[in-house]
Amino acid sequence: MELTLTEAASRLGVSVRQAQRLAQDGRLQVVRRVGRNVIVEDSGVLRRRRVSTQRGRRWNATTAWAAIDLLDHGRTDRITGSTLTRLKSRLGQVSVEEFARLAADRAETRRMTQTRRRAEALKQSLALTGRSALDDPSTAAHFGLAGGGTELVEGYALRPELEALSLRFGLEADADGEVFLHLTDEDPVSSPLTTALDLYERGTTRERSAAEKTLRAALDRYAGPGSTSTA
């Protein structure tokens, strides 16, 4: 089912302007445009409405990347002591949906247009994720998806690199741009888990389903036998 952005805003209980921002950074999947009306998938609206009812503060960027470290490698140097102990305990209990919500502040997403140089050159300057990561055949195979064929460029960069990247590649803010730039103050983790998080947040229905399986498997492995992380 498809919804106008106004209908999506009403269902989410947010302003149309807030819904526009969600669509601009890819958290609501834009299907098409009819005149001035933006049409989005209702599946993304339903998922965001479920997440918005969940309580609790989201992790800051340091904790979010520490959580990704733990799921990827079983260890992290980003946090220590009681903060690390609490995070380990939490990871053994959360669902995929809750994990994605808690880790949402790992980076700030900017949607942009590239006006200088080739897209391939920009990709080489980023830690690729989401659909761009699927250009790698082994990553696409991991998710059981067909890689390549996308015109989007999606990747992570450290926040201080934004000015240099913008000058070099002619990056300009654009709500319909083909570049999703995730800016973070922490060294990003390039891995299928990070790719899964981004696909889960802004991928197609099939991509989100594949991403959910990867995230669920990682959480279940971390929690061990008897895990309730997928509940």
C-alpha atoms as a PDB file:
ATOM      1  CA  MET A   1       0.000   0.000   0.000  1.00  0.00           C
ATOM      2  CA  GLU A   2       1.144   3.540  -0.757  1.00  0.00           C
ATOM      3  CA  LEU A   3       0.580   6.731   1.219  1.00  0.00           C
ATOM      4  CA  THR A   4       1.032  10.408   0.559  1.00  0.00           C
ATOM      5  CA  LEU A   5       3.522  12.141   2.806  1.00  0.00           C
ATOM      6  CA  THR A   6       0.632  13.947   4.521  1.00  0.00           C
ATOM      7  CA  GLU A   7      -1.058  10.611   5.282  1.00  0.00           C
ATOM      8  CA  ALA A   8       2.243   9.184   6.517  1.00  0.00           C
ATOM      9  CA  ALA A   9       2.740  12.160   8.837  1.00  0.00           C
ATOM     10  CA  SER A  10      -0.748  11.671  10.268  1.00  0.00           C
ATOM     11  CA  ARG A  11      -0.155   7.966  10.959  1.00  0.00           C
ATOM     12  CA  LEU A  12       3.205   8.680  12.584  1.00  0.00           C
ATOM     13  CA  GLY A  13       1.843  11.540  14.675  1.00  0.00           C
ATOM     14  CA  VAL A  14       4.449  13.976  13.358  1.00  0.00           C
ATOM     15  CA  SER A  15       4.308  17.154  11.290  1.00  0.00           C
ATOM     16  CA  VAL A  16       4.479  17.005   7.498  1.00  0.00           C
ATOM     17  CA  ARG A  17       7.841  18.758   7.743  1.00  0.00           C
ATOM     18  CA  GLN A  18       9.167  16.004  10.017  1.00  0.00           C
ATOM     19  CA  ALA A  19       7.846  13.374   7.607  1.00  0.00           C
ATOM     20  CA  GLN A  20       9.602  15.206   4.772  1.00  0.00           C
ATOM     21  CA  ARG A  21      12.890  14.956   6.666  1.00  0.00           C
ATOM     22  CA  LEU A  22      12.338  11.217   7.201  1.00  0.00           C
ATOM     23  CA  ALA A  23      11.789  10.818   3.457  1.00  0.00           C
ATOM     24  CA  GLN A  24      14.797  12.980   2.628  1.00  0.00           C
ATOM     25  CA  ASP A  25      17.223  10.842   4.630  1.00  0.00           C
ATOM     26  CA  GLY A  26      15.669   7.623   3.321  1.00  0.00           C
ATOM     27  CA  ARG A  27      13.961   6.475   6.507  1.00  0.00           C
ATOM     28  CA  LEU A  28      10.650   6.543   4.656  1.00  0.00           C
ATOM     29  CA  GLN A  29      10.891   4.842   1.267  1.00  0.00           C
ATOM     30  CA  VAL A  30       9.797   7.212  -1.510  1.00  0.00           C
ATOM     31  CA  VAL A  31       8.013   5.266  -4.265  1.00  0.00           C
ATOM     32  CA  ARG A  32       7.249   8.084  -6.697  1.00  0.00           C
ATOM     33  CA  ARG A  33       6.114  11.669  -6.984  1.00  0.00           C
ATOM     34  CA  VAL A  34       2.794  12.826  -8.402  1.00  0.00           C
ATOM     35  CA  GLY A  35       2.992  16.546  -9.019  1.00  0.00           C
ATOM     36  CA  ARG A  36       3.915  18.016  -5.648  1.00  0.00           C
ATOM     37  CA  ASN A  37       2.791  14.924  -3.744  1.00  0.00           C
ATOM     38  CA  VAL A  38       5.415  12.506  -2.422  1.00  0.00           C
ATOM     39  CA  ILE A  39       4.244   8.884  -2.296  1.00  0.00           C
ATOM     40  CA  VAL A  40       5.867   6.527   0.237  1.00  0.00           C
ATOM     41  CA  GLU A  41       5.609   2.842   1.160  1.00  0.00           C
ATOM     42  CA  ASP A  42       3.326   2.140   4.092  1.00  0.00           C
ATOM     43  CA  SER A  43       5.621  -0.651   5.373  1.00  0.00           C
ATOM     44  CA  GLY A  44       8.217   1.924   6.422  1.00  0.00           C
ATOM     45  CA  VAL A  45       5.515   4.002   8.092  1.00  0.00           C
ATOM     46  CA  LEU A  46       4.245   1.024  10.065  1.00  0.00           C
ATOM     47  CA  ARG A  47       7.760   0.081  11.181  1.00  0.00           C
ATOM     48  CA  ARG A  48       8.568   3.626  12.322  1.00  0.00           C
ATOM     49  CA  ARG A  49       5.261   3.843  14.185  1.00  0.00           C
ATOM     50  CA  ARG A  50       6.091   0.659  16.115  1.00  0.00           C
ATOM     51  CA  VAL A  51       9.573   1.938  16.932  1.00  0.00           C
ATOM     52  CA  SER A  52       8.272   5.336  18.055  1.00  0.00           C
ATOM     53  CA  THR A  53       6.157   3.661  20.759  1.00  0.00           C
ATOM     54  CA  GLN A  54       9.235   2.079  22.325  1.00  0.00           C
ATOM     55  CA  ARG A  55      10.602   3.961  25.295  1.00  0.00           C
ATOM     56  CA  GLY A  56      14.108   4.767  26.401  1.00  0.00           C
ATOM     57  CA  ARG A  57      16.891   6.985  25.185  1.00  0.00           C
ATOM     58  CA  ARG A  58      18.902   5.977  22.148  1.00  0.00           C
ATOM     59  CA  TRP A  59      22.612   5.282  22.474  1.00  0.00           C
ATOM     60  CA  ASN A  60      25.081   8.012  21.668  1.00  0.00           C
ATOM     61  CA  ALA A  61      27.465   7.406  18.757  1.00  0.00           C
ATOM     62  CA  THR A  62      30.220   5.944  20.932  1.00  0.00           C
ATOM     63  CA  THR A  63      27.924   3.374  22.550  1.00  0.00           C
ATOM     64  CA  ALA A  64      26.246   2.531  19.239  1.00  0.00           C
ATOM     65  CA  TRP A  65      29.551   1.746  17.547  1.00  0.00           C
ATOM     66  CA  ALA A  66      30.691  -0.152  20.628  1.00  0.00           C
ATOM     67  CA  ALA A  67      27.584  -2.321  20.284  1.00  0.00           C
ATOM     68  CA  ILE A  68      28.431  -2.979  16.642  1.00  0.00           C
ATOM     69  CA  ASP A  69      32.004  -3.875  17.675  1.00  0.00           C
ATOM     70  CA  LEU A  70      30.682  -6.382  20.200  1.00  0.00           C
ATOM     71  CA  LEU A  71      28.338  -8.051  17.732  1.00  0.00           C
ATOM     72  CA  ASP A  72      31.037  -8.126  15.046  1.00  0.00           C
ATOM     73  CA  HIS A  73      34.122  -9.055  17.066  1.00  0.00           C
ATOM     74  CA  GLY A  74      32.966  -9.845  20.592  1.00  0.00           C
ATOM     75  CA  ARG A  75      34.989  -6.967  22.048  1.00  0.00           C
ATOM     76  CA  THR A  76      35.362  -3.192  21.951  1.00  0.00           C
ATOM     77  CA  ASP A  77      37.809  -0.559  23.178  1.00  0.00           C
ATOM     78  CA  ARG A  78      35.370   2.335  22.846  1.00  0.00           C
ATOM     79  CA  ILE A  79      33.846   2.009  26.316  1.00  0.00           C
ATOM     80  CA  THR A  80      34.906   0.315  29.562  1.00  0.00           C
ATOM     81  CA  GLY A  81      33.770  -0.501  33.083  1.00  0.00           C
ATOM     82  CA  SER A  82      30.125  -0.458  34.100  1.00  0.00           C
ATOM     83  CA  THR A  83      29.089   1.187  30.812  1.00  0.00           C
ATOM     84  CA  LEU A  84      30.466  -1.800  28.907  1.00  0.00           C
ATOM     85  CA  THR A  85      28.875  -4.259  31.331  1.00  0.00           C
ATOM     86  CA  ARG A  86      25.446  -2.644  30.911  1.00  0.00           C
ATOM     87  CA  LEU A  87      25.784  -2.645  27.123  1.00  0.00           C
ATOM     88  CA  LYS A  88      26.682  -6.337  27.049  1.00  0.00           C
ATOM     89  CA  SER A  89      23.659  -7.135  29.181  1.00  0.00           C
ATOM     90  CA  ARG A  90      21.375  -5.062  26.955  1.00  0.00           C
ATOM     91  CA  LEU A  91      22.597  -6.721  23.767  1.00  0.00           C
ATOM     92  CA  GLY A  92      21.570 -10.086  25.167  1.00  0.00           C
ATOM     93  CA  GLN A  93      17.966  -8.921  25.497  1.00  0.00           C
ATOM     94  CA  VAL A  94      17.036  -6.583  22.613  1.00  0.00           C
ATOM     95  CA  SER A  95      15.040  -7.365  19.498  1.00  0.00           C
ATOM     96  CA  VAL A  96      16.222  -6.402  16.014  1.00  0.00           C
ATOM     97  CA  GLU A  97      13.796  -3.497  15.934  1.00  0.00           C
ATOM     98  CA  GLU A  98      14.953  -2.202  19.308  1.00  0.00           C
ATOM     99  CA  PHE A  99      18.617  -2.599  18.408  1.00  0.00           C
ATOM    100  CA  ALA A 100      18.120  -0.535  15.244  1.00  0.00           C
ATOM    101  CA  ARG A 101      16.331   2.149  17.252  1.00  0.00           C
ATOM    102  CA  LEU A 102      19.023   2.291  19.927  1.00  0.00           C
ATOM    103  CA  ALA A 103      21.819   2.509  17.334  1.00  0.00           C
ATOM    104  CA  ALA A 104      20.123   5.123  15.148  1.00  0.00           C
ATOM    105  CA  ASP A 105      22.330   7.972  16.395  1.00  0.00           C
ATOM    106  CA  ARG A 106      25.579   6.318  15.313  1.00  0.00           C
ATOM    107  CA  ALA A 107      25.725   8.921  12.519  1.00  0.00           C
ATOM    108  CA  GLU A 108      23.929  11.921  11.076  1.00  0.00           C
ATOM    109  CA  THR A 109      22.611  11.337   7.556  1.00  0.00           C
ATOM    110  CA  ARG A 110      22.885  14.016   4.880  1.00  0.00           C
ATOM    111  CA  ARG A 111      21.233  13.505   1.503  1.00  0.00           C
ATOM    112  CA  MET A 112      23.162  15.251  -1.247  1.00  0.00           C
ATOM    113  CA  THR A 113      23.842  15.580  -4.961  1.00  0.00           C
ATOM    114  CA  GLN A 114      27.311  15.098  -6.407  1.00  0.00           C
ATOM    115  CA  THR A 115      28.190  17.730  -9.031  1.00  0.00           C
ATOM    116  CA  ARG A 116      31.904  17.036  -9.548  1.00  0.00           C
ATOM    117  CA  ARG A 117      33.928  13.936 -10.498  1.00  0.00           C
ATOM    118  CA  ARG A 118      32.561  10.429 -10.921  1.00  0.00           C
ATOM    119  CA  ALA A 119      30.479   8.576  -8.358  1.00  0.00           C
ATOM    120  CA  GLU A 120      33.087   5.799  -8.267  1.00  0.00           C
ATOM    121  CA  ALA A 121      35.695   8.286  -7.055  1.00  0.00           C
ATOM    122  CA  LEU A 122      33.423   9.361  -4.195  1.00  0.00           C
ATOM    123  CA  LYS A 123      32.821   5.738  -3.224  1.00  0.00           C
ATOM    124  CA  GLN A 124      36.554   5.221  -2.801  1.00  0.00           C
ATOM    125  CA  SER A 125      36.583   8.003  -0.189  1.00  0.00           C
ATOM    126  CA  LEU A 126      33.806   6.501   1.947  1.00  0.00           C
ATOM    127  CA  ALA A 127      33.238   3.447   4.126  1.00  0.00           C
ATOM    128  CA  LEU A 128      30.513   1.993   1.923  1.00  0.00           C
ATOM    129  CA  THR A 129      27.302   0.691   3.404  1.00  0.00           C
ATOM    130  CA  GLY A 130      23.669   0.031   2.482  1.00  0.00           C
ATOM    131  CA  ARG A 131      23.011  -0.453  -1.222  1.00  0.00           C
ATOM    132  CA  SER A 132      26.487   0.709  -2.185  1.00  0.00           C
ATOM    133  CA  ALA A 133      27.998  -2.113  -0.137  1.00  0.00           C
ATOM    134  CA  LEU A 134      25.917  -4.559  -2.185  1.00  0.00           C
ATOM    135  CA  ASP A 135      28.081  -3.695  -5.210  1.00  0.00           C
ATOM    136  CA  ASP A 136      30.569  -6.129  -3.677  1.00  0.00           C
ATOM    137  CA  PRO A 137      29.507  -9.630  -4.841  1.00  0.00           C
ATOM    138  CA  SER A 138      30.471 -11.313  -1.566  1.00  0.00           C
ATOM    139  CA  THR A 139      28.435  -8.805   0.460  1.00  0.00           C
ATOM    140  CA  ALA A 140      25.437  -9.218  -1.850  1.00  0.00           C
ATOM    141  CA  ALA A 141      25.750 -12.997  -1.547  1.00  0.00           C
ATOM    142  CA  HIS A 142      25.850 -12.726   2.260  1.00  0.00           C
ATOM    143  CA  PHE A 143      22.395 -11.129   2.146  1.00  0.00           C
ATOM    144  CA  GLY A 144      21.090 -13.318  -0.663  1.00  0.00           C
ATOM    145  CA  LEU A 145      20.531 -10.233  -2.813  1.00  0.00           C
ATOM    146  CA  ALA A 146      21.493  -9.206  -6.312  1.00  0.00           C
ATOM    147  CA  GLY A 147      24.255  -6.642  -6.019  1.00  0.00           C
ATOM    148  CA  GLY A 148      25.092  -3.719  -8.276  1.00  0.00           C
ATOM    149  CA  GLY A 149      22.879  -1.672 -10.518  1.00  0.00           C
ATOM    150  CA  THR A 150      22.208   1.161  -8.080  1.00  0.00           C
ATOM    151  CA  GLU A 151      22.948   4.793  -8.828  1.00  0.00           C
ATOM    152  CA  LEU A 152      22.988   5.632  -5.133  1.00  0.00           C
ATOM    153  CA  VAL A 153      26.185   6.312  -3.221  1.00  0.00           C
ATOM    154  CA  GLU A 154      25.907   5.495   0.473  1.00  0.00           C
ATOM    155  CA  GLY A 155      28.744   5.535   2.939  1.00  0.00           C
ATOM    156  CA  TYR A 156      30.238   6.755   6.208  1.00  0.00           C
ATOM    157  CA  ALA A 157      32.742   9.553   6.715  1.00  0.00           C
ATOM    158  CA  LEU A 158      34.110  11.256   9.797  1.00  0.00           C
ATOM    159  CA  ARG A 159      32.343  14.565  10.426  1.00  0.00           C
ATOM    160  CA  PRO A 160      35.487  16.727  10.035  1.00  0.00           C
ATOM    161  CA  GLU A 161      35.896  15.326   6.487  1.00  0.00           C
ATOM    162  CA  LEU A 162      32.622  16.871   5.251  1.00  0.00           C
ATOM    163  CA  GLU A 163      34.095  20.163   4.053  1.00  0.00           C
ATOM    164  CA  ALA A 164      36.896  18.513   2.102  1.00  0.00           C
ATOM    165  CA  LEU A 165      34.538  15.955   0.554  1.00  0.00           C
ATOM    166  CA  SER A 166      32.069  18.681  -0.407  1.00  0.00           C
ATOM    167  CA  LEU A 167      34.773  20.715  -2.134  1.00  0.00           C
ATOM    168  CA  ARG A 168      36.355  17.769  -3.894  1.00  0.00           C
ATOM    169  CA  PHE A 169      33.167  16.176  -5.181  1.00  0.00           C
ATOM    170  CA  GLY A 170      30.843  19.165  -5.359  1.00  0.00           C
ATOM    171  CA  LEU A 171      28.429  17.782  -2.767  1.00  0.00           C
ATOM    172  CA  GLU A 172      25.296  19.884  -2.296  1.00  0.00           C
ATOM    173  CA  ALA A 173      22.298  19.313  -0.023  1.00  0.00           C
ATOM    174  CA  ASP A 174      19.432  17.849  -2.060  1.00  0.00           C
ATOM    175  CA  ALA A 175      16.272  16.154  -0.768  1.00  0.00           C
ATOM    176  CA  ASP A 176      16.219  13.980  -3.901  1.00  0.00           C
ATOM    177  CA  GLY A 177      19.982  13.500  -4.134  1.00  0.00           C
ATOM    178  CA  GLU A 178      21.683  10.235  -5.000  1.00  0.00           C
ATOM    179  CA  VAL A 179      24.254  10.471  -2.183  1.00  0.00           C
ATOM    180  CA  PHE A 180      23.523   9.353   1.389  1.00  0.00           C
ATOM    181  CA  LEU A 181      26.428  10.567   3.498  1.00  0.00           C
ATOM    182  CA  HIS A 182      26.502   9.282   7.079  1.00  0.00           C
ATOM    183  CA  LEU A 183      28.642  11.588   9.241  1.00  0.00           C
ATOM    184  CA  THR A 184      29.987  10.246  12.514  1.00  0.00           C
ATOM    185  CA  ASP A 185      32.426  11.318  15.213  1.00  0.00           C
ATOM    186  CA  GLU A 186      33.529   7.712  15.718  1.00  0.00           C
ATOM    187  CA  ASP A 187      35.567   5.469  13.428  1.00  0.00           C
ATOM    188  CA  PRO A 188      32.872   3.528  11.566  1.00  0.00           C
ATOM    189  CA  VAL A 189      32.883  -0.262  11.360  1.00  0.00           C
ATOM    190  CA  SER A 190      32.755  -1.502   7.769  1.00  0.00           C
ATOM    191  CA  SER A 191      31.001  -4.853   8.007  1.00  0.00           C
ATOM    192  CA  PRO A 192      27.871  -6.735   6.939  1.00  0.00           C
ATOM    193  CA  LEU A 193      26.341  -5.795  10.302  1.00  0.00           C
ATOM    194  CA  THR A 194      26.673  -2.065   9.619  1.00  0.00           C
ATOM    195  CA  THR A 195      25.354  -2.623   6.095  1.00  0.00           C
ATOM    196  CA  ALA A 196      22.438  -4.557   7.577  1.00  0.00           C
ATOM    197  CA  LEU A 197      21.549  -1.683   9.891  1.00  0.00           C
ATOM    198  CA  ASP A 198      21.428   0.769   6.996  1.00  0.00           C
ATOM    199  CA  LEU A 199      19.453  -1.585   4.770  1.00  0.00           C
ATOM    200  CA  TYR A 200      17.023  -2.198   7.629  1.00  0.00           C
ATOM    201  CA  GLU A 201      16.523   1.548   8.062  1.00  0.00           C
ATOM    202  CA  ARG A 202      16.211   2.650   4.449  1.00  0.00           C
ATOM    203  CA  GLY A 203      16.258  -0.339   2.106  1.00  0.00           C
ATOM    204  CA  THR A 204      13.509  -1.825  -0.016  1.00  0.00           C
ATOM    205  CA  THR A 205      11.116  -4.343   1.522  1.00  0.00           C
ATOM    206  CA  ARG A 206      13.258  -7.263   0.327  1.00  0.00           C
ATOM    207  CA  GLU A 207      16.477  -5.611   1.490  1.00  0.00           C
ATOM    208  CA  ARG A 208      15.014  -4.914   4.926  1.00  0.00           C
ATOM    209  CA  SER A 209      13.926  -8.535   5.242  1.00  0.00           C
ATOM    210  CA  ALA A 210      17.421  -9.799   4.391  1.00  0.00           C
ATOM    211  CA  ALA A 211      18.976  -7.262   6.752  1.00  0.00           C
ATOM    212  CA  GLU A 212      16.682  -8.331   9.580  1.00  0.00           C
ATOM    213  CA  LYS A 213      17.893 -11.928   9.244  1.00  0.00           C
ATOM    214  CA  THR A 214      21.522 -10.817   9.527  1.00  0.00           C
ATOM    215  CA  LEU A 215      20.824  -8.640  12.561  1.00  0.00           C
ATOM    216  CA  ARG A 216      18.751 -11.338  14.261  1.00  0.00           C
ATOM    217  CA  ALA A 217      21.487 -13.938  13.730  1.00  0.00           C
ATOM    218  CA  ALA A 218      24.122 -11.598  15.207  1.00  0.00           C
ATOM    219  CA  LEU A 219      22.005 -10.825  18.267  1.00  0.00           C
ATOM    220  CA  ASP A 220      21.151 -14.485  18.801  1.00  0.00           C
ATOM    221  CA  ARG A 221      24.820 -15.509  18.581  1.00  0.00           C
ATOM    222  CA  TYR A 222      25.722 -12.846  21.112  1.00  0.00           C
ATOM    223  CA  ALA A 223      22.937 -13.783  23.503  1.00  0.00           C
ATOM    224  CA  GLY A 224      23.688 -17.491  23.236  1.00  0.00           C
ATOM    225  CA  PRO A 225      21.312 -20.454  23.849  1.00  0.00           C
ATOM    226  CA  GLY A 226      17.881 -19.539  25.107  1.00  0.00           C
ATOM    227  CA  SER A 227      18.098 -16.068  23.593  1.00  0.00           C
ATOM    228  CA  THR A 228      14.988 -13.905  23.633  1.00  0.00           C
ATOM    229  CA  SER A 229      16.505 -11.192  21.427  1.00  0.00           C
ATOM    230  CA  THR A 230      14.081 -11.816  18.580  1.00  0.00           C
ATOM    231  CA  ALA A 231      10.966 -11.649  20.708  1.00  0.00           C
END
